[in-house]
PDB file of N, CA and C in Angstrom:
ATOM      1  N   MET A   1       0.902  -1.185  -0.010  1.00  0.00           N
ATOM      2  CA  MET A   1       0.051   0.018  -0.209  1.00  0.00           C
ATOM      3  C   MET A   1       0.774   1.323   0.023  1.00  0.00           C
ATOM      4  N   LYS A   2       0.590   2.441  -0.842  1.00  0.00           N
ATOM      5  CA  LYS A   2       1.220   3.361  -0.916  1.00  0.00           C
ATOM      6  C   LYS A   2       0.768   4.280   0.351  1.00  0.00           C
ATOM      7  N   LEU A   3       1.842   5.414   0.777  1.00  0.00           N
ATOM      8  CA  LEU A   3       1.448   6.220   1.895  1.00  0.00           C
ATOM      9  C   LEU A   3       0.194   6.978   1.517  1.00  0.00           C
ATOM     10  N   ILE A   4       0.109   7.520   0.275  1.00  0.00           N
ATOM     11  CA  ILE A   4      -0.996   8.350  -0.007  1.00  0.00           C
ATOM     12  C   ILE A   4      -2.428   7.566   0.165  1.00  0.00           C
ATOM     13  N   GLU A   5      -2.471   6.178  -0.157  1.00  0.00           N
ATOM     14  CA  GLU A   5      -3.916   5.341   0.019  1.00  0.00           C
ATOM     15  C   GLU A   5      -4.116   5.578   1.628  1.00  0.00           C
ATOM     16  N   LEU A   6      -3.146   5.351   2.337  1.00  0.00           N
ATOM     17  CA  LEU A   6      -3.573   5.382   3.653  1.00  0.00           C
ATOM     18  C   LEU A   6      -3.961   6.874   4.225  1.00  0.00           C
ATOM     19  N   VAL A   7      -3.229   7.749   3.672  1.00  0.00           N
ATOM     20  CA  VAL A   7      -3.768   9.188   4.060  1.00  0.00           C
ATOM     21  C   VAL A   7      -5.140   9.498   3.496  1.00  0.00           C
ATOM     22  N   GLN A   8      -5.249   8.792   2.357  1.00  0.00           N
ATOM     23  CA  GLN A   8      -6.943   8.948   1.868  1.00  0.00           C
ATOM     24  C   GLN A   8      -7.695   8.171   2.782  1.00  0.00           C
ATOM     25  N   ALA A   9      -7.327   7.105   3.137  1.00  0.00           N
ATOM     26  CA  ALA A   9      -8.257   6.066   4.066  1.00  0.00           C
ATOM     27  C   ALA A   9      -8.386   6.538   5.430  1.00  0.00           C
ATOM     28  N   SER A  10      -7.531   7.666   5.946  1.00  0.00           N
ATOM     29  CA  SER A  10      -7.577   8.145   7.411  1.00  0.00           C
ATOM     30  C   SER A  10      -8.854   8.408   7.587  1.00  0.00           C
ATOM     31  N   PRO A  11      -9.688   9.430   7.004  1.00  0.00           N
ATOM     32  CA  PRO A  11     -11.018   9.720   7.456  1.00  0.00           C
ATOM     33  C   PRO A  11     -11.840   8.695   7.510  1.00  0.00           C
ATOM     34  N   ALA A  12     -11.875   7.644   6.765  1.00  0.00           N
ATOM     35  CA  ALA A  12     -12.820   6.576   6.656  1.00  0.00           C
ATOM     36  C   ALA A  12     -12.432   5.753   7.835  1.00  0.00           C
ATOM     37  N   LEU A  13     -11.121   5.652   8.314  1.00  0.00           N
ATOM     38  CA  LEU A  13     -10.727   4.723   9.457  1.00  0.00           C
ATOM     39  C   LEU A  13     -11.242   5.749  10.781  1.00  0.00           C
ATOM     40  N   GLN A  14     -11.184   6.738  10.665  1.00  0.00           N
ATOM     41  CA  GLN A  14     -11.729   7.675  12.017  1.00  0.00           C
ATOM     42  C   GLN A  14     -13.061   7.394  11.903  1.00  0.00           C
ATOM     43  N   LYS A  15     -13.777   7.318  11.056  1.00  0.00           N
ATOM     44  CA  LYS A  15     -15.236   7.131  11.054  1.00  0.00           C
ATOM     45  C   LYS A  15     -15.507   5.525  11.598  1.00  0.00           C
ATOM     46  N   LEU A  16     -14.685   4.620  10.990  1.00  0.00           N
ATOM     47  CA  LEU A  16     -14.729   3.074  11.369  1.00  0.00           C
ATOM     48  C   LEU A  16     -14.634   2.971  12.781  1.00  0.00           C
ATOM     49  N   ILE A  17     -13.631   3.699  13.596  1.00  0.00           N
ATOM     50  CA  ILE A  17     -13.238   3.390  14.800  1.00  0.00           C
ATOM     51  C   ILE A  17     -14.321   4.008  15.859  1.00  0.00           C
ATOM     52  N   ARG A  18     -15.244   4.695  15.346  1.00  0.00           N
ATOM     53  CA  ARG A  18     -16.469   5.189  16.212  1.00  0.00           C
ATOM     54  C   ARG A  18     -17.592   4.268  16.186  1.00  0.00           C
ATOM     55  N   GLN A  19     -17.475   3.223  15.197  1.00  0.00           N
ATOM     56  CA  GLN A  19     -18.597   2.306  14.960  1.00  0.00           C
ATOM     57  C   GLN A  19     -18.520   1.228  16.210  1.00  0.00           C
ATOM     58  N   ASP A  20     -19.734   0.643  16.373  1.00  0.00           N
ATOM     59  CA  ASP A  20     -19.928  -0.486  17.412  1.00  0.00           C
ATOM     60  C   ASP A  20     -19.432  -1.648  16.543  1.00  0.00           C
ATOM     61  N   LEU A  21     -18.556  -2.285  16.952  1.00  0.00           N
ATOM     62  CA  LEU A  21     -18.225  -3.572  16.050  1.00  0.00           C
ATOM     63  C   LEU A  21     -18.053  -4.761  17.256  1.00  0.00           C
ATOM     64  N   PRO A  22     -17.907  -6.032  16.610  1.00  0.00           N
ATOM     65  CA  PRO A  22     -17.858  -7.155  17.385  1.00  0.00           C
ATOM     66  C   PRO A  22     -16.383  -6.949  18.021  1.00  0.00           C
ATOM     67  N   LEU A  23     -16.465  -7.489  19.156  1.00  0.00           N
ATOM     68  CA  LEU A  23     -15.082  -7.346  20.135  1.00  0.00           C
ATOM     69  C   LEU A  23     -13.778  -7.867  19.183  1.00  0.00           C
ATOM     70  N   PRO A  24     -13.885  -8.827  18.324  1.00  0.00           N
ATOM     71  CA  PRO A  24     -12.435  -9.105  17.678  1.00  0.00           C
ATOM     72  C   PRO A  24     -12.391  -8.333  16.614  1.00  0.00           C
ATOM     73  N   THR A  25     -13.302  -7.715  16.025  1.00  0.00           N
ATOM     74  CA  THR A  25     -13.093  -6.754  14.959  1.00  0.00           C
ATOM     75  C   THR A  25     -12.805  -5.338  15.394  1.00  0.00           C
ATOM     76  N   ALA A  26     -13.128  -5.017  16.473  1.00  0.00           N
ATOM     77  CA  ALA A  26     -12.950  -3.760  17.231  1.00  0.00           C
ATOM     78  C   ALA A  26     -11.458  -3.903  17.551  1.00  0.00           C
ATOM     79  N   TYR A  27     -10.902  -5.067  18.002  1.00  0.00           N
ATOM     80  CA  TYR A  27      -9.555  -4.902  18.558  1.00  0.00           C
ATOM     81  C   TYR A  27      -8.681  -5.041  17.263  1.00  0.00           C
ATOM     82  N   ALA A  28      -9.186  -5.585  16.331  1.00  0.00           N
ATOM     83  CA  ALA A  28      -8.081  -5.783  15.120  1.00  0.00           C
ATOM     84  C   ALA A  28      -7.977  -4.235  14.555  1.00  0.00           C
ATOM     85  N   VAL A  29      -9.248  -3.527  14.423  1.00  0.00           N
ATOM     86  CA  VAL A  29      -9.443  -2.303  13.949  1.00  0.00           C
ATOM     87  C   VAL A  29      -8.314  -1.418  14.792  1.00  0.00           C
ATOM     88  N   MET A  30      -8.742  -1.461  16.083  1.00  0.00           N
ATOM     89  CA  MET A  30      -7.652  -0.482  17.079  1.00  0.00           C
ATOM     90  C   MET A  30      -6.117  -0.609  16.718  1.00  0.00           C
ATOM     91  N   LYS A  31      -5.805  -1.992  16.526  1.00  0.00           N
ATOM     92  CA  LYS A  31      -4.203  -2.471  16.387  1.00  0.00           C
ATOM     93  C   LYS A  31      -3.891  -1.736  14.975  1.00  0.00           C
ATOM     94  N   MET A  32      -4.764  -1.924  14.177  1.00  0.00           N
ATOM     95  CA  MET A  32      -4.476  -1.378  12.795  1.00  0.00           C
ATOM     96  C   MET A  32      -4.333   0.233  12.909  1.00  0.00           C
ATOM     97  N   VAL A  33      -5.245   0.698  13.684  1.00  0.00           N
ATOM     98  CA  VAL A  33      -5.288   2.234  13.670  1.00  0.00           C
ATOM     99  C   VAL A  33      -4.071   2.673  14.494  1.00  0.00           C
ATOM    100  N   ASP A  34      -3.771   1.852  15.539  1.00  0.00           N
ATOM    101  CA  ASP A  34      -2.248   2.319  16.328  1.00  0.00           C
ATOM    102  C   ASP A  34      -1.228   2.299  15.268  1.00  0.00           C
ATOM    103  N   LYS A  35      -1.110   1.210  14.574  1.00  0.00           N
ATOM    104  CA  LYS A  35       0.070   0.891  13.509  1.00  0.00           C
ATOM    105  C   LYS A  35      -0.061   2.146  12.547  1.00  0.00           C
ATOM    106  N   TYR A  36      -1.072   2.265  11.776  1.00  0.00           N
ATOM    107  CA  TYR A  36      -1.059   3.321  10.877  1.00  0.00           C
ATOM    108  C   TYR A  36      -0.924   4.756  11.524  1.00  0.00           C
ATOM    109  N   ASN A  37      -1.275   4.968  12.594  1.00  0.00           N
ATOM    110  CA  ASN A  37      -1.090   6.404  13.133  1.00  0.00           C
ATOM    111  C   ASN A  37       0.417   6.802  13.100  1.00  0.00           C
ATOM    112  N   VAL A  38       1.261   5.819  13.234  1.00  0.00           N
ATOM    113  CA  VAL A  38       2.593   6.090  13.242  1.00  0.00           C
ATOM    114  C   VAL A  38       2.880   6.363  11.742  1.00  0.00           C
ATOM    115  N   ASP A  39       2.617   5.918  11.035  1.00  0.00           N
ATOM    116  CA  ASP A  39       2.760   6.231   9.598  1.00  0.00           C
ATOM    117  C   ASP A  39       2.097   7.574   9.082  1.00  0.00           C
ATOM    118  N   LEU A  40       0.944   7.827   9.457  1.00  0.00           N
ATOM    119  CA  LEU A  40       0.532   9.196   9.285  1.00  0.00           C
ATOM    120  C   LEU A  40       1.043  10.305  10.084  1.00  0.00           C
ATOM    121  N   SER A  41       1.628  10.026  11.352  1.00  0.00           N
ATOM    122  CA  SER A  41       2.740  11.068  11.845  1.00  0.00           C
ATOM    123  C   SER A  41       3.834  11.334  11.093  1.00  0.00           C
ATOM    124  N   PHE A  42       4.316  10.172  10.617  1.00  0.00           N
ATOM    125  CA  PHE A  42       5.476  10.495   9.647  1.00  0.00           C
ATOM    126  C   PHE A  42       5.318  11.277   8.492  1.00  0.00           C
ATOM    127  N   TYR A  43       4.004  10.921   8.000  1.00  0.00           N
ATOM    128  CA  TYR A  43       3.620  11.627   6.734  1.00  0.00           C
ATOM    129  C   TYR A  43       3.438  13.357   7.180  1.00  0.00           C
ATOM    130  N   GLY A  44       2.838  13.544   7.962  1.00  0.00           N
ATOM    131  CA  GLY A  44       2.616  14.801   8.676  1.00  0.00           C
ATOM    132  C   GLY A  44       4.058  15.633   8.846  1.00  0.00           C
ATOM    133  N   MET A  45       4.753  14.980   9.430  1.00  0.00           N
ATOM    134  CA  MET A  45       6.149  15.490   9.692  1.00  0.00           C
ATOM    135  C   MET A  45       6.748  15.885   8.266  1.00  0.00           C
ATOM    136  N   GLU A  46       6.834  14.914   7.706  1.00  0.00           N
ATOM    137  CA  GLU A  46       7.804  14.807   6.334  1.00  0.00           C
ATOM    138  C   GLU A  46       7.107  15.896   5.271  1.00  0.00           C
ATOM    139  N   LEU A  47       5.632  16.164   5.548  1.00  0.00           N
ATOM    140  CA  LEU A  47       5.010  16.995   4.602  1.00  0.00           C
ATOM    141  C   LEU A  47       5.335  18.634   4.984  1.00  0.00           C
ATOM    142  N   VAL A  48       5.581  18.729   6.247  1.00  0.00           N
ATOM    143  CA  VAL A  48       6.042  19.855   6.704  1.00  0.00           C
ATOM    144  C   VAL A  48       7.548  20.264   6.270  1.00  0.00           C
ATOM    145  N   LYS A  49       8.371  19.071   6.240  1.00  0.00           N
ATOM    146  CA  LYS A  49       9.584  19.450   5.952  1.00  0.00           C
ATOM    147  C   LYS A  49       9.784  19.599   4.362  1.00  0.00           C
ATOM    148  N   ALA A  50       8.972  19.207   3.664  1.00  0.00           N
ATOM    149  CA  ALA A  50       8.836  19.468   2.174  1.00  0.00           C
ATOM    150  C   ALA A  50       8.597  20.627   1.632  1.00  0.00           C
ATOM    151  N   ASP A  51       7.808  21.352   2.540  1.00  0.00           N
ATOM    152  CA  ASP A  51       7.797  22.827   2.525  1.00  0.00           C
ATOM    153  C   ASP A  51       7.272  23.380   1.017  1.00  0.00           C
ATOM    154  N   GLY A  52       6.155  22.468   0.715  1.00  0.00           N
ATOM    155  CA  GLY A  52       5.496  22.827  -0.650  1.00  0.00           C
ATOM    156  C   GLY A  52       6.283  22.416  -1.926  1.00  0.00           C
ATOM    157  N   ASP A  53       7.449  21.545  -1.591  1.00  0.00           N
ATOM    158  CA  ASP A  53       8.145  21.035  -2.784  1.00  0.00           C
ATOM    159  C   ASP A  53       7.262  19.833  -3.387  1.00  0.00           C
ATOM    160  N   GLN A  54       6.799  20.100  -4.631  1.00  0.00           N
ATOM    161  CA  GLN A  54       5.886  19.062  -5.067  1.00  0.00           C
ATOM    162  C   GLN A  54       6.688  17.674  -5.395  1.00  0.00           C
ATOM    163  N   GLU A  55       7.736  17.828  -5.746  1.00  0.00           N
ATOM    164  CA  GLU A  55       8.821  16.696  -5.980  1.00  0.00           C
ATOM    165  C   GLU A  55       8.680  15.591  -4.755  1.00  0.00           C
ATOM    166  N   LYS A  56       9.225  16.368  -3.934  1.00  0.00           N
ATOM    167  CA  LYS A  56       9.295  15.617  -2.462  1.00  0.00           C
ATOM    168  C   LYS A  56       7.914  15.219  -1.857  1.00  0.00           C
ATOM    169  N   ILE A  57       6.944  15.996  -2.274  1.00  0.00           N
ATOM    170  CA  ILE A  57       5.625  15.583  -1.844  1.00  0.00           C
ATOM    171  C   ILE A  57       5.249  14.242  -2.505  1.00  0.00           C
ATOM    172  N   SER A  58       5.436  14.460  -3.960  1.00  0.00           N
ATOM    173  CA  SER A  58       5.034  13.177  -4.650  1.00  0.00           C
ATOM    174  C   SER A  58       5.697  11.994  -4.233  1.00  0.00           C
ATOM    175  N   ALA A  59       7.058  12.078  -4.063  1.00  0.00           N
ATOM    176  CA  ALA A  59       7.953  10.956  -3.601  1.00  0.00           C
ATOM    177  C   ALA A  59       7.469  10.412  -2.355  1.00  0.00           C
ATOM    178  N   LEU A  60       7.059  11.282  -1.441  1.00  0.00           N
ATOM    179  CA  LEU A  60       6.532  10.855  -0.183  1.00  0.00           C
ATOM    180  C   LEU A  60       5.424  10.032  -0.240  1.00  0.00           C
ATOM    181  N   GLN A  61       4.487  10.611  -1.059  1.00  0.00           N
ATOM    182  CA  GLN A  61       2.952   9.961  -1.033  1.00  0.00           C
ATOM    183  C   GLN A  61       3.066   8.519  -1.900  1.00  0.00           C
ATOM    184  N   GLU A  62       4.326   8.336  -2.582  1.00  0.00           N
ATOM    185  CA  GLU A  62       4.272   6.877  -3.090  1.00  0.00           C
ATOM    186  C   GLU A  62       5.189   6.006  -2.409  1.00  0.00           C
ATOM    187  N   MET A  63       5.490   6.239  -1.441  1.00  0.00           N
ATOM    188  CA  MET A  63       6.437   5.552  -0.543  1.00  0.00           C
ATOM    189  C   MET A  63       5.336   4.377  -0.096  1.00  0.00           C
ATOM    190  N   ASP A  64       5.965   3.322  -0.020  1.00  0.00           N
ATOM    191  CA  ASP A  64       5.076   1.764   0.531  1.00  0.00           C
ATOM    192  C   ASP A  64       5.077   1.946   2.149  1.00  0.00           C
ATOM    193  N   VAL A  65       4.005   1.641   2.580  1.00  0.00           N
ATOM    194  CA  VAL A  65       3.647   1.423   4.006  1.00  0.00           C
ATOM    195  C   VAL A  65       3.949  -0.023   4.302  1.00  0.00           C
ATOM    196  N   GLN A  66       4.694  -0.072   5.151  1.00  0.00           N
ATOM    197  CA  GLN A  66       5.108  -1.586   5.644  1.00  0.00           C
ATOM    198  C   GLN A  66       4.198  -2.056   6.557  1.00  0.00           C
ATOM    199  N   THR A  67       3.743  -2.940   6.186  1.00  0.00           N
ATOM    200  CA  THR A  67       2.790  -3.626   7.675  1.00  0.00           C
ATOM    201  C   THR A  67       2.958  -5.261   7.705  1.00  0.00           C
ATOM    202  N   ASP A  68       2.760  -5.815   8.844  1.00  0.00           N
ATOM    203  CA  ASP A  68       2.654  -7.051   9.053  1.00  0.00           C
ATOM    204  C   ASP A  68       0.990  -7.462   9.476  1.00  0.00           C
ATOM    205  N   LEU A  69       0.366  -6.585   9.324  1.00  0.00           N
ATOM    206  CA  LEU A  69      -1.085  -6.681   9.807  1.00  0.00           C
ATOM    207  C   LEU A  69      -1.885  -7.388   8.656  1.00  0.00           C
ATOM    208  N   GLU A  70      -2.566  -8.221   9.042  1.00  0.00           N
ATOM    209  CA  GLU A  70      -3.790  -8.678   8.039  1.00  0.00           C
ATOM    210  C   GLU A  70      -4.750  -8.072   7.704  1.00  0.00           C
ATOM    211  N   ARG A  71      -5.365  -8.054   6.601  1.00  0.00           N
ATOM    212  CA  ARG A  71      -6.394  -7.426   6.096  1.00  0.00           C
ATOM    213  C   ARG A  71      -7.631  -7.676   7.150  1.00  0.00           C
ATOM    214  N   ILE A  72      -8.445  -6.814   7.755  1.00  0.00           N
ATOM    215  CA  ILE A  72      -9.500  -7.007   8.666  1.00  0.00           C
ATOM    216  C   ILE A  72     -10.558  -7.205   7.842  1.00  0.00           C
ATOM    217  N   ARG A  73     -11.471  -8.353   8.278  1.00  0.00           N
ATOM    218  CA  ARG A  73     -12.855  -8.851   7.449  1.00  0.00           C
ATOM    219  C   ARG A  73     -13.704  -8.136   8.406  1.00  0.00           C
ATOM    220  N   ILE A  74     -14.868  -7.666   7.626  1.00  0.00           N
ATOM    221  CA  ILE A  74     -15.974  -6.963   8.278  1.00  0.00           C
ATOM    222  C   ILE A  74     -17.159  -7.248   7.340  1.00  0.00           C
ATOM    223  N   ARG A  75     -17.935  -8.126   7.984  1.00  0.00           N
ATOM    224  CA  ARG A  75     -19.170  -8.678   7.348  1.00  0.00           C
ATOM    225  C   ARG A  75     -20.150  -7.236   6.779  1.00  0.00           C
ATOM    226  N   MET A  76     -20.591  -7.435   5.615  1.00  0.00           N
ATOM    227  CA  MET A  76     -21.108  -6.358   5.115  1.00  0.00           C
ATOM    228  C   MET A  76     -22.739  -6.358   5.831  1.00  0.00           C
ATOM    229  N   ASP A  77     -23.147  -7.425   6.521  1.00  0.00           N
ATOM    230  CA  ASP A  77     -24.384  -7.254   7.288  1.00  0.00           C
ATOM    231  C   ASP A  77     -24.296  -6.505   8.789  1.00  0.00           C
ATOM    232  N   GLU A  78     -23.198  -5.983   9.123  1.00  0.00           N
ATOM    233  CA  GLU A  78     -22.912  -5.545  10.376  1.00  0.00           C
ATOM    234  C   GLU A  78     -23.512  -3.999  10.290  1.00  0.00           C
ATOM    235  N   ASN A  79     -23.959  -3.567  11.426  1.00  0.00           N
ATOM    236  CA  ASN A  79     -24.391  -2.405  11.445  1.00  0.00           C
ATOM    237  C   ASN A  79     -23.744  -1.055  11.364  1.00  0.00           C
ATOM    238  N   ILE A  80     -22.810  -1.113  10.228  1.00  0.00           N
ATOM    239  CA  ILE A  80     -21.727   0.003  10.383  1.00  0.00           C
ATOM    240  C   ILE A  80     -22.395   1.191   9.105  1.00  0.00           C
ATOM    241  N   ILE A  81     -22.334   2.352   9.332  1.00  0.00           N
ATOM    242  CA  ILE A  81     -22.566   3.500   8.569  1.00  0.00           C
ATOM    243  C   ILE A  81     -21.450   4.054   7.757  1.00  0.00           C
ATOM    244  N   LEU A  82     -21.274   3.662   6.555  1.00  0.00           N
ATOM    245  CA  LEU A  82     -20.018   4.241   5.784  1.00  0.00           C
ATOM    246  C   LEU A  82     -20.566   4.502   4.521  1.00  0.00           C
ATOM    247  N   SER A  83     -19.955   5.707   3.967  1.00  0.00           N
ATOM    248  CA  SER A  83     -20.267   6.298   2.754  1.00  0.00           C
ATOM    249  C   SER A  83     -19.584   5.279   1.423  1.00  0.00           C
ATOM    250  N   PRO A  84     -20.010   5.423   0.498  1.00  0.00           N
ATOM    251  CA  PRO A  84     -19.286   4.786  -0.652  1.00  0.00           C
ATOM    252  C   PRO A  84     -17.805   5.259  -0.775  1.00  0.00           C
ATOM    253  N   THR A  85     -17.629   6.420  -0.733  1.00  0.00           N
ATOM    254  CA  THR A  85     -16.357   6.788  -0.636  1.00  0.00           C
ATOM    255  C   THR A  85     -15.354   6.196   0.666  1.00  0.00           C
ATOM    256  N   ASP A  86     -16.045   6.256   1.741  1.00  0.00           N
ATOM    257  CA  ASP A  86     -15.241   5.487   2.884  1.00  0.00           C
ATOM    258  C   ASP A  86     -14.979   4.119   2.255  1.00  0.00           C
ATOM    259  N   VAL A  87     -15.819   3.316   1.980  1.00  0.00           N
ATOM    260  CA  VAL A  87     -15.529   1.940   1.496  1.00  0.00           C
ATOM    261  C   VAL A  87     -14.536   1.696   0.451  1.00  0.00           C
ATOM    262  N   LYS A  88     -14.404   2.767  -0.463  1.00  0.00           N
ATOM    263  CA  LYS A  88     -13.616   2.765  -1.703  1.00  0.00           C
ATOM    264  C   LYS A  88     -12.080   3.181  -1.020  1.00  0.00           C
ATOM    265  N   TYR A  89     -12.075   3.788  -0.061  1.00  0.00           N
ATOM    266  CA  TYR A  89     -10.719   4.202   0.463  1.00  0.00           C
ATOM    267  C   TYR A  89     -10.173   3.120   1.554  1.00  0.00           C
ATOM    268  N   LEU A  90     -11.214   2.324   1.961  1.00  0.00           N
ATOM    269  CA  LEU A  90     -10.804   1.187   3.158  1.00  0.00           C
ATOM    270  C   LEU A  90     -10.577  -0.099   2.377  1.00  0.00           C
ATOM    271  N   GLN A  91     -10.849  -0.309   1.110  1.00  0.00           N
ATOM    272  CA  GLN A  91     -10.764  -1.521   0.531  1.00  0.00           C
ATOM    273  C   GLN A  91      -9.177  -2.076   0.501  1.00  0.00           C
ATOM    274  N   PRO A  92      -8.266  -1.147   0.491  1.00  0.00           N
ATOM    275  CA  PRO A  92      -6.946  -1.671   0.595  1.00  0.00           C
ATOM    276  C   PRO A  92      -6.638  -2.390   1.939  1.00  0.00           C
ATOM    277  N   ILE A  93      -7.437  -2.065   2.988  1.00  0.00           N
ATOM    278  CA  ILE A  93      -7.069  -2.647   4.227  1.00  0.00           C
ATOM    279  C   ILE A  93      -8.169  -3.336   4.951  1.00  0.00           C
ATOM    280  N   ILE A  94      -9.290  -3.239   4.585  1.00  0.00           N
ATOM    281  CA  ILE A  94     -10.644  -3.711   4.980  1.00  0.00           C
ATOM    282  C   ILE A  94     -10.931  -4.824   3.788  1.00  0.00           C
ATOM    283  N   ASP A  95     -11.382  -6.013   4.204  1.00  0.00           N
ATOM    284  CA  ASP A  95     -12.122  -7.064   3.363  1.00  0.00           C
ATOM    285  C   ASP A  95     -13.327  -6.983   3.798  1.00  0.00           C
ATOM    286  N   PHE A  96     -14.446  -6.350   2.994  1.00  0.00           N
ATOM    287  CA  PHE A  96     -15.575  -6.543   3.252  1.00  0.00           C
ATOM    288  C   PHE A  96     -16.247  -7.537   2.543  1.00  0.00           C
ATOM    289  N   TYR A  97     -17.056  -8.459   3.368  1.00  0.00           N
ATOM    290  CA  TYR A  97     -17.534  -9.613   2.650  1.00  0.00           C
ATOM    291  C   TYR A  97     -19.039  -9.770   3.176  1.00  0.00           C
ATOM    292  N   LYS A  98     -19.543 -10.625   2.074  1.00  0.00           N
ATOM    293  CA  LYS A  98     -20.902 -11.150   2.661  1.00  0.00           C
ATOM    294  C   LYS A  98     -21.117 -12.550   2.756  1.00  0.00           C
ATOM    295  N   GLU A  99     -21.913 -12.982   3.902  1.00  0.00           N
ATOM    296  CA  GLU A  99     -21.850 -14.297   3.988  1.00  0.00           C
ATOM    297  C   GLU A  99     -22.803 -15.143   3.038  1.00  0.00           C
ATOM    298  N   GLU A 100     -22.180 -16.358   2.758  1.00  0.00           N
ATOM    299  CA  GLU A 100     -22.969 -17.013   1.755  1.00  0.00           C
ATOM    300  C   GLU A 100     -24.134 -17.692   2.530  1.00  0.00           C
ATOM    301  N   LYS A 101     -25.400 -17.715   1.740  1.00  0.00           N
ATOM    302  CA  LYS A 101     -26.217 -18.455   2.610  1.00  0.00           C
ATOM    303  C   LYS A 101     -26.309 -19.824   1.962  1.00  0.00           C
ATOM    304  N   THR A 102     -26.444 -20.879   2.822  1.00  0.00           N
ATOM    305  CA  THR A 102     -26.502 -22.282   2.507  1.00  0.00           C
ATOM    306  C   THR A 102     -27.494 -22.971   2.259  1.00  0.00           C
TER     307      THR A 102
END
């Protein structure tokens, strides 16, 4: 995942952490947000250092975010309110799925 994708997903992650989720999912989301907050802080500090230099900003945004976290799986029938934009930006880190009926 590129750093810019994480930056774009940040508002949706903030929205997601305010949702009521099953405990295992809530715990996984909390761990993910803790990890990604380090990357977002780094981005903020480096953005200030870039001082408007578009070349530096572009290079920063294209950096890979290293993570050892598995994608979080969230059932689509959970009572979670997200916009289509939120879902789009969360897709690189969240696996939204629908239970197959047997």
